[in-house]
Amino acid sequence: MSLKDQATRVAILDTLVKAMTDELKAAKTELETGLRAAKADTGTQTIAVDLNGADIGKATLVQNKPAATVTDADKLLAWVRTVAPTEITTRLVTEIRPAWLSQLKKQIDAVGTPEWADPETGVIHDVPGIELIGRAAYTRLTVPAEGKAAIAEAWRNRQLDTVFALELPAGEKEVA
């Protein structure tokens, strides 16, 4: 292959990749919107991916569990000073020891409420400055090796035209 042919190939592939990337972003957004609507309407969170009548994978709306998040560091620090002062490190800046804070957040995640049980006294404390905040759902696409092979075969056999029509942007017009 000549250098000119290589440059042409790169230009074509670059243009196609950019167009496909834009198309993929739009398609993923549309899929996620559809899955969110299906979950709200019918509770459906997973849908099969079908190619030419064959099941080649699935698309799933994944909803993360809420996670403990520090929302007011000053309130949390004041509280830790009263219940576990040895877990505070004082430097130029006073902060809760990261390992202890991580453990506290894990315990709150496990319980599902911003409370902490003192291991020495058994007293349950409301923890100020930490809230359980929901994390955004996302779409997970699972296509096993067989599904990928089926897509590649359909691409080679030009059977994807009814499923996928890539719209390439029009070229810039010259101004006279």
Protein backbone atom coordinates (compact mmCIF):
# COMPACT_ATOMS: atom_id res chain seq x y z
CA MET A 1 0.00 0.00 0.00
CA SER A 2 1.41 3.37 -0.99
CA LEU A 3 1.81 6.24 1.43
CA LYS A 4 -1.01 8.07 -0.37
CA ASP A 5 -3.27 5.01 0.01
CA GLN A 6 -2.40 4.82 3.71
CA ALA A 7 -3.27 8.50 4.17
CA THR A 8 -6.57 8.00 2.35
CA ARG A 9 -7.37 4.97 4.51
CA VAL A 10 -6.63 6.92 7.71
CA ALA A 11 -8.77 9.86 6.55
CA ILE A 12 -11.70 7.54 5.79
CA LEU A 13 -11.39 5.62 9.07
CA ASP A 14 -11.02 8.84 11.07
CA THR A 15 -14.16 10.32 9.49
CA LEU A 16 -16.13 7.13 10.09
CA VAL A 17 -14.95 6.76 13.70
CA LYS A 18 -15.92 10.35 14.52
CA ALA A 19 -19.34 9.92 12.91
CA MET A 20 -19.87 6.59 14.66
CA THR A 21 -18.77 8.06 18.01
CA ASP A 22 -21.38 10.82 17.72
CA GLU A 23 -24.02 8.30 16.62
CA LEU A 24 -23.09 5.98 19.53
CA LYS A 25 -23.46 8.78 22.09
CA ALA A 26 -26.90 9.68 20.74
CA ALA A 27 -27.98 6.02 20.57
CA LYS A 28 -26.83 5.34 24.16
CA THR A 29 -28.72 8.40 25.40
CA GLU A 30 -31.85 7.27 23.56
CA LEU A 31 -31.49 3.71 24.93
CA GLU A 32 -31.02 4.93 28.50
CA THR A 33 -34.03 7.23 28.19
CA GLY A 34 -36.09 4.32 26.87
CA LEU A 35 -34.94 1.98 29.64
CA ARG A 36 -35.73 4.60 32.29
CA ALA A 37 -39.23 5.01 30.82
CA ALA A 38 -39.72 1.22 30.65
CA LYS A 39 -38.65 0.89 34.28
CA ALA A 40 -41.10 3.62 35.33
CA ASP A 41 -43.95 2.16 33.24
CA THR A 42 -43.53 -1.60 33.68
CA GLY A 43 -40.52 -2.18 35.91
CA THR A 44 -38.50 -3.50 32.96
CA GLN A 45 -34.78 -2.89 33.40
CA THR A 46 -33.30 -5.38 30.92
CA ILE A 47 -34.04 -5.90 27.25
CA ALA A 48 -32.63 -8.49 24.86
CA VAL A 49 -30.43 -7.41 21.98
CA ASP A 50 -31.57 -9.16 18.80
CA LEU A 51 -29.83 -9.37 15.43
CA ASN A 52 -31.58 -11.09 12.55
CA GLY A 53 -33.74 -13.06 14.98
CA ALA A 54 -30.82 -14.24 17.13
CA ASP A 55 -30.37 -13.14 20.76
CA ILE A 56 -26.86 -11.63 20.85
CA GLY A 57 -26.82 -9.87 24.22
CA LYS A 58 -28.75 -7.61 26.54
CA ALA A 59 -29.01 -3.99 27.64
CA THR A 60 -29.63 -3.32 31.33
CA LEU A 61 -30.43 -0.16 33.30
CA VAL A 62 -28.21 -0.44 36.37
CA GLN A 63 -29.41 1.51 39.42
CA ASN A 64 -26.68 2.02 41.99
CA LYS A 65 -27.57 1.89 45.67
CA PRO A 66 -27.27 5.23 47.47
CA ALA A 67 -23.83 5.78 48.99
CA ALA A 68 -22.80 7.59 52.17
CA THR A 69 -21.51 11.02 51.18
CA VAL A 70 -20.04 13.70 53.41
CA THR A 71 -22.27 16.72 52.89
CA ASP A 72 -21.13 18.85 55.84
CA ALA A 73 -17.53 18.16 56.85
CA ASP A 74 -17.61 20.61 59.77
CA LYS A 75 -20.66 18.97 61.40
CA LEU A 76 -19.16 15.54 60.89
CA LEU A 77 -15.81 16.62 62.36
CA ALA A 78 -17.54 18.12 65.44
CA TRP A 79 -19.45 14.87 65.96
CA VAL A 80 -16.36 12.65 65.56
CA ARG A 81 -14.55 14.83 68.12
CA THR A 82 -17.19 13.80 70.68
CA VAL A 83 -17.51 10.07 69.89
CA ALA A 84 -14.09 9.04 68.57
CA PRO A 85 -11.52 11.79 69.20
CA THR A 86 -8.61 9.41 68.58
CA GLU A 87 -9.79 9.09 64.97
CA ILE A 88 -8.94 12.72 64.28
CA THR A 89 -5.56 13.80 62.99
CA THR A 90 -4.50 17.36 63.65
CA ARG A 91 -2.01 19.02 61.33
CA LEU A 92 -2.24 22.47 59.87
CA VAL A 93 -5.70 21.26 58.91
CA THR A 94 -7.85 19.16 61.19
CA GLU A 95 -9.45 16.20 59.48
CA ILE A 96 -10.94 12.82 60.22
CA ARG A 97 -8.55 9.96 59.57
CA PRO A 98 -9.39 8.74 56.04
CA ALA A 99 -9.39 5.05 57.03
CA TRP A 100 -11.89 5.66 59.84
CA LEU A 101 -14.10 7.83 57.63
CA SER A 102 -14.06 5.16 54.95
CA GLN A 103 -15.11 2.53 57.51
CA LEU A 104 -17.85 4.82 58.85
CA LYS A 105 -19.23 5.38 55.34
CA LYS A 106 -19.18 1.62 54.66
CA GLN A 107 -21.13 0.99 57.87
CA ILE A 108 -23.66 3.69 56.94
CA ASP A 109 -24.00 2.19 53.44
CA ALA A 110 -24.62 -1.24 54.98
CA VAL A 111 -27.25 0.05 57.44
CA GLY A 112 -28.88 2.38 54.91
CA THR A 113 -29.18 5.32 57.30
CA PRO A 114 -26.65 7.86 58.62
CA GLU A 115 -26.27 6.21 62.03
CA TRP A 116 -23.24 4.77 63.80
CA ALA A 117 -23.17 2.21 66.58
CA ASP A 118 -20.34 2.84 69.05
CA PRO A 119 -18.57 -0.52 69.27
CA GLU A 120 -17.61 0.04 72.91
CA THR A 121 -20.95 1.25 74.30
CA GLY A 122 -23.45 0.03 71.71
CA VAL A 123 -25.00 3.51 71.66
CA ILE A 124 -26.43 4.41 68.24
CA HIS A 125 -25.59 7.93 67.11
CA ASP A 126 -27.15 10.00 64.34
CA VAL A 127 -24.20 11.09 62.21
CA PRO A 128 -24.34 14.76 61.22
CA GLY A 129 -22.73 15.80 57.97
CA ILE A 130 -23.29 12.53 56.11
CA GLU A 131 -26.29 11.74 53.93
CA LEU A 132 -27.16 8.80 51.72
CA ILE A 133 -27.26 10.28 48.24
CA GLY A 134 -28.50 8.27 45.27
CA ARG A 135 -26.07 7.75 42.46
CA ALA A 136 -27.09 8.02 38.84
CA ALA A 137 -28.26 4.92 37.04
CA TYR A 138 -26.42 3.89 33.93
CA THR A 139 -26.90 1.48 31.06
CA ARG A 140 -24.76 -1.63 30.81
CA LEU A 141 -24.57 -3.38 27.45
CA THR A 142 -23.54 -7.04 27.54
CA VAL A 143 -22.60 -8.62 24.23
CA PRO A 144 -20.75 -11.93 24.60
CA ALA A 145 -18.11 -13.08 22.12
CA GLU A 146 -20.74 -14.97 20.08
CA GLY A 147 -22.83 -11.81 19.77
CA LYS A 148 -19.82 -9.79 18.66
CA ALA A 149 -19.00 -12.45 16.09
CA ALA A 150 -22.60 -12.30 14.80
CA ILE A 151 -22.40 -8.52 14.47
CA ALA A 152 -19.07 -8.77 12.62
CA GLU A 153 -20.53 -11.38 10.25
CA ALA A 154 -23.62 -9.25 9.61
CA TRP A 155 -21.34 -6.25 8.93
CA ARG A 156 -19.27 -8.24 6.44
CA ASN A 157 -22.44 -9.49 4.73
CA ARG A 158 -23.93 -5.98 4.62
CA GLN A 159 -26.95 -7.08 6.68
CA LEU A 160 -26.94 -4.11 9.07
CA ASP A 161 -28.47 -1.53 6.73
CA THR A 162 -31.95 -1.98 8.23
CA VAL A 163 -30.57 -1.76 11.79
CA PHE A 164 -27.90 0.87 11.38
CA ALA A 165 -27.84 3.76 8.94
CA LEU A 166 -24.93 6.04 9.75
CA GLU A 167 -25.62 9.61 8.77
CA LEU A 168 -22.37 11.27 7.80
CA PRO A 169 -22.31 15.04 8.09
CA ALA A 170 -22.51 16.98 4.86
CA GLY A 171 -19.24 18.49 3.69
CA GLU A 172 -18.64 22.20 4.13
CA LYS A 173 -19.83 24.26 1.19
CA GLU A 174 -17.51 26.78 -0.32
CA VAL A 175 -18.51 30.40 0.00
CA ALA A 176 -18.34 32.18 -3.39
